[in-house]
Protein backbone atom coordinates (compact mmCIF):
# COMPACT_ATOMS: atom_id res chain seq x y z
CA MET A 1 55.37 15.31 -36.50
CA ASN A 2 53.87 18.77 -36.70
CA LEU A 3 52.96 20.99 -33.76
CA LEU A 4 49.25 20.28 -34.01
CA THR A 5 49.88 16.53 -33.74
CA LYS A 6 52.17 17.02 -30.76
CA ILE A 7 49.59 19.18 -28.99
CA LEU A 8 46.93 16.56 -29.60
CA LEU A 9 49.22 13.84 -28.24
CA TRP A 10 50.10 15.93 -25.22
CA MET A 11 46.45 16.71 -24.65
CA PHE A 12 45.37 13.09 -24.78
CA PRO A 13 46.75 11.97 -21.37
CA ILE A 14 45.60 15.27 -19.87
CA ALA A 15 42.15 15.14 -21.43
CA LEU A 16 41.47 11.65 -20.14
CA PRO A 17 41.62 12.63 -16.44
CA VAL A 18 39.53 15.71 -17.17
CA MET A 19 36.92 13.61 -18.90
CA GLY A 20 37.06 11.03 -16.12
CA PHE A 21 36.66 13.70 -13.49
CA THR A 22 33.76 15.22 -15.40
CA TRP A 23 32.00 11.89 -15.56
CA SER A 24 32.65 11.23 -11.86
CA TYR A 25 31.34 14.67 -11.03
CA TYR A 26 28.27 14.01 -13.15
CA GLN A 27 27.63 10.66 -11.47
CA ALA A 28 28.31 12.08 -8.01
CA GLN A 29 25.96 14.98 -8.64
CA LEU A 30 23.34 12.65 -10.10
CA ASP A 31 23.60 10.25 -7.16
CA ALA A 32 23.65 13.10 -4.66
CA GLY A 33 20.62 14.65 -6.33
CA ALA A 34 18.74 11.35 -6.29
CA GLU A 35 19.69 10.74 -2.66
CA HIS A 36 18.74 14.28 -1.71
CA THR A 37 15.39 13.94 -3.48
CA GLY A 38 14.75 10.65 -1.72
CA ASN A 39 15.67 12.14 1.66
CA VAL A 40 13.36 15.07 1.03
CA GLY A 41 10.57 12.65 0.13
CA VAL A 42 11.12 10.72 3.37
CA LEU A 43 11.16 13.90 5.45
CA VAL A 44 8.03 15.26 3.76
CA SER A 45 6.15 11.99 4.25
CA ALA A 46 7.16 11.73 7.91
CA SER A 47 6.35 15.36 8.72
CA GLY A 48 3.12 15.17 6.71
CA ALA A 49 1.95 12.05 8.53
CA GLN A 50 2.76 13.69 11.86
CA ARG A 51 0.82 16.83 10.92
CA LEU A 52 -2.21 14.82 9.78
CA ASN A 53 -2.15 12.62 12.88
CA ASP A 54 -1.85 15.65 15.17
CA PHE A 55 -4.68 17.37 13.29
CA LEU A 56 -6.99 14.36 13.66
CA ARG A 57 -6.10 13.93 17.34
CA LEU A 58 -6.96 17.57 18.01
CA ARG A 59 -10.28 17.11 16.23
CA ALA A 60 -11.08 14.12 18.46
CA SER A 61 -10.43 16.25 21.56
CA GLU A 62 -12.43 19.09 20.04
CA PHE A 63 -15.39 16.81 19.36
CA THR A 64 -15.39 15.73 23.01
CA LEU A 65 -15.82 19.39 23.98
CA ILE A 66 -18.46 20.01 21.29
CA SER A 67 -20.53 16.95 22.15
CA GLY A 68 -20.26 17.89 25.83
CA LYS A 69 -22.32 21.00 25.10
CA PHE A 70 -25.16 18.70 24.01
CA ALA A 71 -24.79 16.39 27.02
CA VAL A 72 -26.55 18.83 29.36
CA CYS A 73 -30.03 17.53 30.13
CA GLU A 74 -32.83 19.77 28.82
CA SER A 75 -36.33 19.30 30.21
CA SER A 76 -37.96 20.46 26.96
CA PRO A 77 -35.44 20.23 24.10
CA SER A 78 -36.46 21.95 20.90
CA LYS A 79 -35.13 22.33 17.40
CA GLU A 80 -34.33 25.98 18.10
CA LEU A 81 -32.35 25.05 21.22
CA TYR A 82 -30.33 22.45 19.35
CA GLN A 83 -29.78 24.94 16.52
CA LEU A 84 -28.41 27.49 19.01
CA LYS A 85 -26.15 24.92 20.64
CA ALA A 86 -24.84 23.80 17.26
CA ARG A 87 -24.15 27.39 16.20
CA ASN A 88 -22.32 28.18 19.45
CA ALA A 89 -20.30 24.95 19.26
CA LEU A 90 -19.18 25.59 15.68
CA GLN A 91 -18.13 29.14 16.54
CA GLN A 92 -15.59 27.64 18.95
CA SER A 93 -14.55 24.88 16.54
CA ARG A 94 -11.49 25.03 14.32
CA GLY A 95 -11.78 21.77 12.45
CA PHE A 96 -15.41 20.94 11.74
CA SER A 97 -17.48 22.26 8.85
CA ALA A 98 -20.97 21.15 9.92
CA LEU A 99 -22.99 19.72 12.81
CA ILE A 100 -26.00 17.45 12.27
CA VAL A 101 -28.63 16.46 14.85
CA SER A 102 -30.57 13.33 13.92
CA GLY A 103 -33.28 11.33 15.61
CA ILE A 104 -32.97 7.85 17.09
CA ASP A 105 -33.88 6.44 13.67
CA GLY A 106 -30.97 8.26 12.03
CA LYS A 107 -33.17 10.74 10.17
CA VAL A 108 -31.72 14.25 10.07
CA GLN A 109 -33.65 16.79 12.15
CA LEU A 110 -31.45 19.85 11.67
CA GLY A 111 -28.03 20.86 10.40
CA GLN A 112 -25.71 23.79 11.00
CA VAL A 113 -22.84 24.74 8.69
CA ALA A 114 -19.74 26.38 10.22
CA GLY A 115 -18.69 29.87 9.18
CA THR A 116 -15.17 28.75 8.22
CA PRO A 117 -13.20 30.49 5.44
CA SER A 118 -13.69 27.45 3.20
CA ASN A 119 -17.49 27.76 3.56
CA ARG A 120 -17.56 31.52 2.99
CA PHE A 121 -18.66 31.43 -0.66
CA MET A 122 -20.97 28.40 -0.53
CA LEU A 123 -24.76 28.24 -0.38
CA PRO A 124 -25.71 25.85 2.45
CA ARG A 125 -28.57 23.45 1.86
CA SER A 126 -30.59 21.39 4.35
CA LEU A 127 -30.32 17.63 4.95
CA ALA A 128 -33.60 17.57 6.89
CA ASN A 129 -35.55 14.26 6.71
CA SER A 130 -32.70 12.45 4.94
CA TRP A 131 -30.98 9.39 6.40
CA LEU A 132 -27.51 10.03 7.79
CA PHE A 133 -26.46 6.48 8.72
CA THR A 134 -26.57 3.08 7.11
CA ALA A 135 -28.39 0.30 8.91
CA ALA A 136 -25.10 -1.21 10.08
CA GLN A 137 -23.84 2.13 11.38
CA LEU A 138 -27.10 2.80 13.22
CA GLU A 139 -26.97 -0.67 14.74
CA ARG A 140 -23.43 -0.04 16.00
CA LEU A 141 -24.45 3.30 17.52
CA ASN A 142 -27.49 1.77 19.24
CA SER A 143 -25.45 -1.17 20.50
CA GLY A 144 -22.82 1.14 21.96
CA PHE A 145 -25.47 3.22 23.71
CA ASN A 146 -27.24 0.14 25.11
CA ILE A 147 -23.99 -1.23 26.52
CA TRP A 148 -23.22 2.16 28.08
CA GLN A 149 -26.76 2.35 29.50
CA GLU A 150 -26.49 -1.16 30.99
CA LYS A 151 -23.13 -0.42 32.59
CA ALA A 152 -24.19 2.95 34.05
CA PRO A 153 -25.88 1.57 37.25
CA LEU A 154 -22.90 -0.66 37.97
CA LEU A 155 -20.52 2.23 37.41
CA ARG A 156 -22.53 4.49 39.72
CA LYS A 157 -22.53 1.79 42.38
CA GLU A 158 -18.78 1.35 41.99
CA LYS A 159 -18.30 5.12 42.18
CA SER A 160 -20.26 5.32 45.45
CA LYS A 161 -18.18 2.51 46.88
CA LEU A 162 -14.98 4.29 45.91
CA PHE A 163 -16.25 7.54 47.47
CA LEU A 164 -16.78 5.73 50.78
CA GLU A 165 -13.28 4.24 50.63
CA ALA A 166 -11.80 7.67 49.86
CA LEU A 167 -13.75 9.22 52.75
CA SER A 168 -12.44 6.53 55.09
CA LEU A 169 -8.86 7.25 54.02
CA GLU A 170 -9.40 10.99 54.50
CA ARG A 171 -10.62 10.42 58.04
CA ARG A 172 -7.48 8.40 58.76
CA GLY A 173 -5.30 11.19 57.31
CA GLU A 174 -4.06 9.10 54.37
CA ILE A 175 -4.85 11.59 51.62
CA ASN A 176 -1.25 11.47 50.37
CA SER A 177 -1.13 7.70 50.09
CA SER A 178 -0.87 5.93 46.76
CA LYS A 179 -4.08 4.04 47.53
CA TYR A 180 -5.99 7.31 47.97
CA ASN A 181 -4.58 8.71 44.73
CA ASN A 182 -5.48 5.50 42.93
CA ILE A 183 -9.06 5.68 44.20
CA GLN A 184 -9.35 9.32 43.11
CA SER A 185 -8.10 8.35 39.67
CA GLN A 186 -10.69 5.56 39.43
CA ILE A 187 -13.46 7.97 40.48
CA PHE A 188 -12.33 10.41 37.79
CA ASN A 189 -12.33 7.68 35.14
CA ILE A 190 -15.80 6.44 36.11
CA THR A 191 -17.11 10.02 36.08
CA ASN A 192 -15.77 10.43 32.55
CA LEU A 193 -17.46 7.22 31.41
CA LEU A 194 -20.78 8.32 32.90
CA LYS A 195 -20.74 11.80 31.34
CA GLN A 196 -21.50 10.78 27.77
CA PRO A 197 -22.13 7.61 25.76
CA PRO A 198 -19.18 6.46 23.63
CA ALA A 199 -18.53 8.26 20.36
CA VAL A 200 -18.19 6.47 17.02
CA ILE A 201 -16.20 7.76 14.05
CA TYR A 202 -16.89 6.78 10.44
CA PHE A 203 -15.12 7.69 7.21
CA ASN A 204 -17.85 8.51 4.70
CA GLY A 205 -20.38 11.30 4.19
CA GLY A 206 -19.16 12.54 0.81
CA LEU A 207 -22.67 12.51 -0.65
CA HIS A 208 -24.10 14.30 2.38
CA ALA A 209 -21.37 16.95 2.14
CA GLU A 210 -22.25 17.51 -1.50
CA VAL A 211 -25.96 17.80 -0.69
CA MET A 212 -25.23 20.35 2.05
CA GLY A 213 -23.15 22.38 -0.41
CA LEU A 214 -19.85 21.92 1.47
CA PRO A 215 -16.71 22.66 -0.60
CA TYR A 216 -15.68 19.01 -0.92
CA ARG A 217 -17.23 15.98 -2.57
CA ARG A 218 -15.21 13.17 -1.05
CA ASP A 219 -15.68 11.22 2.17
CA THR A 220 -14.51 12.74 5.43
CA PHE A 221 -14.44 11.75 9.09
CA LEU A 222 -17.86 11.83 10.78
CA PHE A 223 -17.72 12.07 14.58
CA THR A 224 -20.99 10.84 16.13
CA ARG A 225 -22.17 10.58 19.75
CA PRO A 226 -25.62 9.61 21.08
CA LEU A 227 -27.77 12.27 22.77
CA VAL A 228 -29.26 11.33 26.14
CA SER A 229 -32.61 12.55 27.48
CA CYS A 230 -33.19 13.63 31.09
CA GLU A 231 -34.63 10.15 31.72
CA GLY A 232 -31.38 8.56 30.53
CA GLU A 233 -32.87 7.28 27.29
CA LEU A 234 -31.56 7.64 23.75
CA ALA A 235 -32.75 10.98 22.30
CA GLY A 236 -30.88 11.06 19.00
CA TYR A 237 -27.36 11.66 17.68
CA ILE A 238 -25.02 14.61 17.20
CA THR A 239 -22.65 14.26 14.21
CA ALA A 240 -19.75 16.56 13.29
CA PHE A 241 -18.34 16.67 9.75
CA LEU A 242 -14.56 17.12 9.84
CA ASP A 243 -13.52 19.97 7.54
CA ARG A 244 -11.82 18.00 4.77
CA THR A 245 -10.48 21.19 3.17
CA GLN A 246 -8.02 21.47 6.07
CA ILE A 247 -6.64 18.03 5.20
CA GLU A 248 -6.38 19.15 1.58
CA ASP A 249 -4.56 22.29 2.76
CA ILE A 250 -1.98 20.17 4.59
CA LEU A 251 -1.43 18.04 1.47
CA TYR A 252 -1.12 21.22 -0.62
CA GLU A 253 1.49 22.63 1.75
CA LEU A 254 3.47 19.37 1.58
CA ARG A 255 3.33 19.48 -2.21
CA GLN A 256 4.36 23.14 -2.20
CA SER A 257 7.34 22.35 0.03
CA LEU A 258 8.57 19.95 -2.66
CA TYR A 259 7.93 22.55 -5.37
CA ASP A 260 10.03 25.04 -3.40
CA ARG A 261 12.89 22.52 -3.49
CA GLY A 262 12.61 22.24 -7.26
CA ILE A 263 10.77 18.89 -7.21
CA HIS A 264 7.66 19.17 -9.39
CA GLN A 265 6.81 15.70 -10.73
CA VAL A 266 5.16 14.56 -7.50
CA ASP A 267 1.98 13.11 -6.05
CA ILE A 268 0.92 13.67 -2.44
CA ALA A 269 -2.04 11.38 -1.86
CA LEU A 270 -4.10 9.55 0.75
CA MET A 271 -4.72 5.85 0.17
CA ASN A 272 -7.46 3.76 1.79
CA ARG A 273 -6.37 0.12 2.02
CA GLU A 274 -9.79 -1.05 3.17
CA SER A 275 -11.68 0.36 0.19
CA GLN A 276 -8.58 0.04 -2.04
CA LYS A 277 -8.78 3.49 -3.53
CA TYR A 278 -7.08 6.86 -3.48
CA GLU A 279 -8.91 9.38 -1.33
CA THR A 280 -7.33 12.34 -3.18
CA GLU A 281 -6.56 13.25 -6.77
CA THR A 282 -3.35 11.82 -8.30
CA ARG A 283 -1.38 12.68 -11.43
CA TYR A 284 1.21 9.92 -11.65
CA LEU A 285 -0.14 7.16 -9.39
CA THR A 286 -2.72 5.08 -11.25
CA ASP A 287 -5.38 2.60 -10.20
CA ARG A 288 -3.18 -0.08 -11.71
CA SER A 289 -0.35 0.76 -9.32
CA LEU A 290 -2.81 0.94 -6.41
CA HIS A 291 -3.16 -2.84 -6.19
CA GLY A 292 0.58 -3.21 -5.66
CA ILE A 293 0.88 -0.32 -3.22
CA VAL A 294 -1.98 -1.61 -1.05
CA LYS A 295 0.11 -4.70 -0.24
CA MET A 296 3.09 -2.64 0.93
CA SER A 297 3.69 -1.61 4.53
CA ALA A 298 5.28 1.66 5.69
CA SER A 299 8.43 2.06 3.59
CA ALA A 300 10.47 4.47 1.51
CA GLY A 301 12.62 3.85 -1.55
CA TYR A 302 12.80 3.71 -5.30
CA GLN A 303 10.12 1.46 -6.80
CA ARG A 304 10.97 0.54 -10.37
CA LYS A 305 7.61 -1.16 -11.01
CA PHE A 306 5.80 2.07 -10.13
CA GLY A 307 8.26 4.29 -11.97
CA GLY A 308 9.59 6.48 -9.17
CA PHE A 309 10.41 7.05 -5.53
CA LEU A 310 7.64 6.11 -3.10
CA ALA A 311 7.35 6.85 0.63
CA ILE A 312 4.44 5.36 2.60
CA GLN A 313 3.46 6.50 6.09
CA PRO A 314 0.40 5.21 8.01
CA ILE A 315 -1.98 7.85 9.35
CA ALA A 316 -4.95 7.68 11.67
CA ASP A 317 -8.20 6.35 10.21
CA ALA A 318 -11.66 5.79 11.70
CA LYS A 319 -10.55 2.64 13.56
CA VAL A 320 -7.63 4.46 15.14
CA LEU A 321 -9.77 7.46 16.10
CA ASN A 322 -12.35 5.15 17.68
CA GLN A 323 -9.57 3.58 19.75
CA LEU A 324 -8.31 7.07 20.62
CA MET A 325 -11.76 8.28 21.73
CA GLU A 326 -12.32 5.12 23.76
CA GLY A 327 -8.99 5.57 25.54
CA ALA A 328 -9.59 9.28 26.13
CA ASP A 329 -13.02 8.57 27.68
CA ALA A 330 -11.76 5.75 29.89
CA THR A 331 -8.64 7.20 31.53
CA GLU A 332 -7.69 10.32 33.39
CA GLN A 333 -4.49 10.91 31.45
CA GLY A 334 -5.98 10.07 28.06
CA VAL A 335 -3.95 8.39 25.33
CA SER A 336 -0.24 9.18 25.15
CA ALA A 337 1.54 10.00 21.92
CA ALA A 338 3.26 6.61 21.98
CA GLU A 339 -0.05 4.78 22.45
CA TYR A 340 -1.62 6.85 19.68
CA GLN A 341 1.22 5.90 17.32
CA GLU A 342 0.83 2.26 18.36
CA TYR A 343 -2.88 2.43 17.44
CA ILE A 344 -1.91 3.84 14.04
CA ASP A 345 0.70 1.13 13.41
CA ARG A 346 -1.67 -1.67 14.46
CA PHE A 347 -5.08 -0.65 13.16
CA SER A 348 -4.73 1.98 10.45
CA THR A 349 -5.79 1.23 6.89
CA MET A 350 -5.09 4.79 5.71
CA SER A 351 -1.68 5.89 4.41
CA LEU A 352 0.01 9.05 3.20
CA LEU A 353 1.86 8.54 -0.08
CA VAL A 354 4.69 10.73 -1.36
CA PHE A 355 5.55 9.74 -4.92
CA ILE A 356 8.31 11.38 -7.00
CA ALA A 357 8.09 10.23 -10.61
CA ASP A 358 11.01 9.13 -12.78
CA GLU A 359 10.45 12.20 -14.93
CA GLU A 360 11.93 14.28 -12.11
CA TRP A 361 15.24 12.40 -12.31
CA HIS A 362 15.18 12.43 -16.10
CA GLU A 363 14.82 16.20 -16.21
CA THR A 364 17.52 16.62 -13.57
CA SER A 365 19.94 14.31 -15.37
CA LYS A 366 19.34 16.10 -18.68
CA ARG A 367 20.10 19.49 -17.16
CA LEU A 368 23.14 18.15 -15.35
CA LEU A 369 24.39 16.34 -18.45
CA LEU A 370 24.05 19.50 -20.52
CA LYS A 371 25.90 21.49 -17.87
CA VAL A 372 28.70 18.93 -17.62
CA SER A 373 28.96 18.59 -21.41
CA VAL A 374 29.32 22.33 -21.89
CA TRP A 375 31.93 22.49 -19.16
CA LEU A 376 33.83 19.56 -20.70
CA LEU A 377 33.90 21.10 -24.18
CA LEU A 378 35.14 24.40 -22.81
CA SER A 379 37.80 22.62 -20.79
CA LEU A 380 39.05 20.66 -23.80
CA LEU A 381 39.21 23.82 -25.89
CA PHE A 382 41.10 25.55 -23.15
CA LEU A 383 43.48 22.59 -22.91
CA PHE A 384 44.12 22.70 -26.65
CA VAL A 385 45.07 26.39 -26.57
CA LEU A 386 47.10 26.35 -23.37
CA VAL A 387 48.33 22.78 -23.15
CA PHE A 388 51.68 23.51 -21.58
CA PHE A 389 50.24 25.85 -18.98
CA LEU A 390 47.49 23.39 -18.21
CA ALA A 391 50.00 20.55 -17.89
CA ARG A 392 51.74 22.36 -15.02
CA ASN A 393 48.81 24.04 -13.31
CA ILE A 394 45.61 22.10 -13.93
CA VAL A 395 46.31 18.38 -13.86
CA ARG A 396 47.45 18.26 -10.25
CA PRO A 397 44.47 20.26 -8.90
CA ILE A 398 42.13 18.03 -10.88
CA VAL A 399 43.62 14.92 -9.32
CA LYS A 400 43.25 16.45 -5.85
CA LEU A 401 39.70 17.47 -6.60
CA LYS A 402 38.91 13.99 -7.82
CA ARG A 403 40.21 12.60 -4.53
CA SER A 404 38.01 15.06 -2.67
CA VAL A 405 35.01 13.90 -4.70
CA ALA A 406 35.86 10.31 -3.80
CA LYS A 407 35.99 11.25 -0.10
CA VAL A 408 32.59 12.91 -0.38
CA GLU A 409 31.26 9.80 -2.11
CA ALA A 410 32.66 7.81 0.83
CA GLY A 411 30.74 10.03 3.24
CA ASP A 412 33.43 12.48 4.43
CA LEU A 413 31.66 15.86 4.31
CA MET A 414 34.51 17.65 6.12
CA VAL A 415 36.77 17.47 3.07
CA GLN A 416 37.60 20.77 1.36
CA ALA A 417 39.18 21.03 -2.09
CA ASP A 418 42.35 23.11 -2.41
CA ILE A 419 41.81 26.32 -4.41
CA SER A 420 45.04 27.30 -6.10
CA SER A 421 43.74 29.36 -9.04
CA ASN A 422 40.86 31.48 -10.26
CA ASP A 423 40.30 29.61 -13.52
CA GLU A 424 37.61 27.05 -14.32
CA VAL A 425 39.17 24.39 -12.11
CA GLY A 426 39.37 26.86 -9.26
CA GLN A 427 35.72 27.75 -9.80
CA LEU A 428 34.84 24.09 -9.84
CA ALA A 429 36.74 23.59 -6.58
CA ARG A 430 34.85 26.49 -5.02
CA ALA A 431 31.56 25.03 -6.22
CA PHE A 432 32.61 21.70 -4.77
CA ASN A 433 33.46 23.33 -1.43
CA ARG A 434 30.15 25.16 -1.41
CA MET A 435 28.40 21.92 -2.10
CA THR A 436 30.18 20.08 0.74
CA ARG A 437 29.55 22.98 3.11
CA ALA A 438 25.89 23.02 2.13
CA LEU A 439 25.62 19.28 2.69
CA GLN A 440 27.40 19.62 6.04
CA LEU A 441 25.12 22.49 7.09
CA SER A 442 22.08 20.46 6.05
CA GLU A 443 23.28 17.51 8.10
CA ASN A 444 23.99 19.76 11.11
CA GLU A 445 20.58 21.38 10.79
CA LEU A 446 18.86 17.99 10.68
CA GLN A 447 20.75 16.96 13.82
CA ARG A 448 19.78 20.21 15.52
CA LEU A 449 16.10 19.85 14.57
CA ALA A 450 16.15 16.33 15.97
CA ARG A 451 17.14 17.71 19.40
CA VAL A 452 15.44 21.09 19.72
CA ASP A 453 11.79 21.92 20.35
CA GLU A 454 10.83 24.04 17.34
CA LEU A 455 8.59 26.46 19.23
CA THR A 456 10.63 27.28 22.34
CA GLY A 457 14.17 26.43 21.34
CA LEU A 458 14.49 24.16 24.39
CA LEU A 459 15.56 20.53 24.30
CA ASN A 460 12.87 18.17 23.07
CA ARG A 461 11.99 14.95 24.86
CA ARG A 462 14.54 12.77 23.08
CA ALA A 463 17.41 15.23 23.59
CA LEU A 464 16.38 15.71 27.22
CA ILE A 465 16.58 11.95 27.81
CA GLU A 466 20.07 11.87 26.26
CA GLU A 467 21.24 14.77 28.44
CA ALA A 468 19.66 13.13 31.47
CA ILE A 469 21.54 9.87 30.85
CA ASN A 470 24.82 11.77 30.47
CA GLU A 471 24.10 13.70 33.67
CA ARG A 472 23.27 10.44 35.43
CA HIS A 473 26.72 9.05 34.54
CA ARG A 474 28.40 12.23 35.75
CA ALA A 475 26.37 12.29 38.98
CA SER A 476 27.54 8.78 39.82
CA ARG A 477 30.96 10.34 40.54
CA SER A 478 29.52 13.23 42.62
CA GLU A 479 28.47 13.36 46.26
CA TYR A 480 25.17 14.95 45.34
CA GLY A 481 22.33 13.41 43.43
CA ILE A 482 20.10 14.84 40.74
CA SER A 483 16.78 16.50 41.39
CA LEU A 484 14.10 16.54 38.73
CA ALA A 485 11.20 18.96 38.39
CA ILE A 486 8.23 18.90 36.02
CA LEU A 487 6.37 22.17 35.46
CA ASP A 488 2.90 22.67 33.99
CA LEU A 489 1.49 26.13 33.23
CA ASP A 490 -1.71 26.77 35.16
CA TYR A 491 -4.87 27.47 33.14
CA PHE A 492 -2.89 27.60 29.92
CA LYS A 493 -5.89 26.31 27.98
CA GLN A 494 -7.80 29.45 28.99
CA ILE A 495 -5.09 31.57 27.35
CA ASN A 496 -5.46 29.58 24.12
CA ASP A 497 -9.24 29.76 24.26
CA ARG A 498 -9.37 33.48 25.05
CA TYR A 499 -6.48 34.93 23.05
CA GLY A 500 -5.85 32.24 20.44
CA HIS A 501 -3.13 29.67 19.85
CA ALA A 502 -0.75 32.31 18.50
CA ALA A 503 -0.87 34.06 21.87
CA GLY A 504 -0.44 30.70 23.58
CA ASP A 505 2.66 30.01 21.50
CA LEU A 506 4.04 33.46 22.41
CA VAL A 507 3.48 32.73 26.12
CA LEU A 508 5.30 29.40 25.79
CA LYS A 509 8.25 31.08 24.05
CA GLN A 510 8.57 33.86 26.61
CA PHE A 511 8.14 31.42 29.49
CA ALA A 512 10.93 29.27 28.01
CA ASP A 513 13.11 32.40 27.76
CA MET A 514 12.42 33.16 31.44
CA LEU A 515 13.43 29.64 32.43
CA GLN A 516 16.73 29.90 30.56
CA GLU A 517 17.38 33.35 32.04
CA LYS A 518 16.54 32.53 35.66
CA LEU A 519 17.95 29.02 35.98
CA ARG A 520 21.58 28.20 36.67
CA LYS A 521 23.96 27.43 33.84
CA THR A 522 24.29 23.85 35.08
CA ASP A 523 20.54 23.23 35.00
CA ILE A 524 19.05 21.45 32.01
CA VAL A 525 15.59 22.40 30.82
CA GLY A 526 13.42 20.89 28.10
CA ARG A 527 9.84 20.86 26.85
CA ILE A 528 8.16 17.47 26.73
CA GLY A 529 4.86 18.53 25.21
CA GLY A 530 2.08 21.10 25.40
CA GLU A 531 2.66 23.35 28.39
CA GLU A 532 4.84 20.86 30.29
CA PHE A 533 8.53 21.50 30.97
CA VAL A 534 11.15 19.37 32.70
CA ILE A 535 14.15 20.74 34.61
CA LEU A 536 17.17 18.62 35.62
CA LEU A 537 18.97 20.07 38.64
CA PRO A 538 22.43 18.45 38.90
CA ASP A 539 24.30 18.44 42.21
CA THR A 540 21.20 19.75 43.98
CA SER A 541 19.74 18.41 47.21
CA PRO A 542 15.95 17.91 47.44
CA GLU A 543 15.55 20.88 49.79
CA SER A 544 17.57 23.16 47.52
CA ALA A 545 15.65 21.96 44.49
CA VAL A 546 12.28 22.78 46.07
CA LYS A 547 13.53 26.22 47.14
CA LEU A 548 14.95 26.91 43.68
CA ILE A 549 11.77 25.87 41.86
CA ASP A 550 9.56 27.77 44.31
CA LYS A 551 11.74 30.87 43.87
CA LEU A 552 11.43 30.40 40.12
CA ARG A 553 7.64 30.09 40.47
CA ILE A 554 7.39 33.37 42.39
CA SER A 555 9.72 35.16 39.98
CA CYS A 556 7.81 34.00 36.91
CA ALA A 557 4.47 34.95 38.47
CA GLU A 558 5.80 38.48 39.12
CA THR A 559 7.11 38.85 35.58
CA MET A 560 4.48 40.05 33.13
CA ILE A 561 4.35 38.60 29.64
CA GLY A 562 3.21 40.97 26.92
CA LEU A 563 1.10 39.80 23.99
CA ASP A 564 1.22 41.40 20.54
CA ASP A 565 -1.92 43.47 21.22
CA GLY A 566 -0.49 44.99 24.42
CA ILE A 567 -2.21 42.65 26.88
CA LEU A 568 -0.05 41.72 29.88
CA LEU A 569 -0.34 38.28 31.44
CA SER A 570 1.08 36.77 34.60
CA VAL A 571 1.95 33.14 34.03
CA LYS A 572 1.88 30.78 36.99
CA PHE A 573 2.77 27.16 37.13
CA SER A 574 2.47 24.09 39.30
CA ALA A 575 5.47 21.85 39.80
CA GLY A 576 6.41 18.46 41.12
CA VAL A 577 9.97 17.90 42.39
CA VAL A 578 11.59 14.53 43.09
CA VAL A 579 15.07 13.13 43.61
CA TRP A 580 16.28 11.01 40.75
CA SER A 581 18.03 8.20 42.56
CA ALA A 582 20.71 6.14 40.86
CA ASP A 583 18.69 2.91 41.00
CA THR A 584 15.75 4.24 38.98
CA GLY A 585 15.35 5.09 35.31
CA PHE A 586 14.59 8.53 33.94
CA GLU A 587 11.04 7.61 32.87
CA GLU A 588 10.26 6.33 36.37
CA ALA A 589 11.62 9.52 37.94
CA LEU A 590 9.59 11.55 35.47
CA HIS A 591 6.49 9.56 36.39
CA ARG A 592 7.03 10.24 40.11
CA ALA A 593 7.52 13.94 39.39
CA ASP A 594 4.30 13.89 37.36
CA GLU A 595 2.46 12.42 40.35
CA LYS A 596 3.79 15.27 42.50
CA LEU A 597 2.65 17.69 39.82
CA TYR A 598 -0.81 16.17 39.96
CA GLN A 599 -0.83 16.74 43.73
CA ALA A 600 0.13 20.37 43.13
CA LYS A 601 -2.76 20.72 40.69
CA GLU A 602 -5.15 19.12 43.16
CA ASN A 603 -3.81 21.42 45.90
CA GLY A 604 -5.06 24.51 44.09
CA ARG A 605 -2.24 25.01 41.51
CA ASN A 606 0.52 27.66 41.67
CA CYS A 607 2.57 25.61 44.12
CA VAL A 608 5.44 23.12 44.31
CA LYS A 609 5.07 19.60 45.67
CA SER A 610 7.88 17.21 46.50
């Protein structure tokens, strides 16, 4: 037996583990890549749906403000007056591309196009004397107005009755009673209902947008509210066209986020189950696949029949927005985020689709296979030349590395491969360690993002609840209870309106920094939404808690916050402080603190109520 034959025989048992490891590495990388791509698709679909839902909710609130400008009774309304109101309203709007005023018959009287960046290079055209609504839509609008008009006298009578009850309670000195607060809330709700007739949202208007020269040709959300004359009669309708280009921008950013991760064979689309069509352009999703997707609920996973990974998330549609507007008009607090999501889950026929085609995996597997094949050939050549050296120094590290790969496959991301050399196996081990560290960092980052408010760096609502539960368990062994405070920045909306949302975000960040700097190390602070913050004060009596929060209020009011353009602001807040007793849940304690906060707001703001 010659030397070449012996080397080949010696190489055979060594080459087999190397080849096996290479294949395992290839499969592990392929599976990890597929799993990573799927996880990215899920995250993008969830974040995209949240962004779209938040965008549409903001537009609903914005339309309430816009339509309110037209709710003021004018003794002699004119086209020029409406034109001026429309122009002023659109100048303060961030999400609408046009306002249309139509008569009671639905015929357009005038239109105003917004000066948004997307409309900058378009030539606006008039819709005058064209019909804006279908007969069914006009009938629904008229019916809603008639119902509102019929209920108005009863509501005014009920409001007067409630005023008398409230006055009676005030005379008896019961202004802090729950009954008095409940009556005030009812008066507020009735006042809201009497201000304006109910709004109606439709999803259409693509042809009208094209006629006006707007930079989109597809349907969009049309927000419509009846106009009321000084005599209380129907005077026409005000309709706002939602700027569809902003929805397209969100979809583009979602698609770009996948491109940045190296995922290119994708579709980000909106699907309308009711009309059974895609509301955006698609490259890989076809009309043939649409019939199958329409029958699917919110889900995420590989769909062989569609040829790729598919994530489906429901988003707000016209039905949901109508429910949202109805709830916002009828209650003092409006619709909560949970209720809004419930509307979406129950009523929505619109979905966001994130589709990653099979071609993405095919390209990835080809590149990975080529990489692994080259590495394997080089390894075998190296084994052939240095078989004896490899027998002593390479086989054992390979076995260890294979075990590490198996641990990673089993879900142990803490495993680290031993690096005993600087050769190819050592480089592979380093690459493996980098991969596990990267996966571990990604997992840690996801856990952190799930707990931290992105803007302020404080705990978000979910993390705050977890910390509160832990603190509740600890407090059960302490002689002191837990005090809870909810803070709301006074007139924060005016900062946003005057200086812009970027300035508002800066104020929130610096205010959060002040809270962390001025509070005790044992205190727990979190942001639960908008300009509202919650502070848990462990081992703190009610009197001490009120003093601490009031001291914090004074200190924050004396500290000036500087904006980017040199403007200095003094930020004040109102606060409600309660004791979180052991026999109540966190949400109940938070609700009681919110009631105290409402009292502080009613008491003139910039104060603490307990």
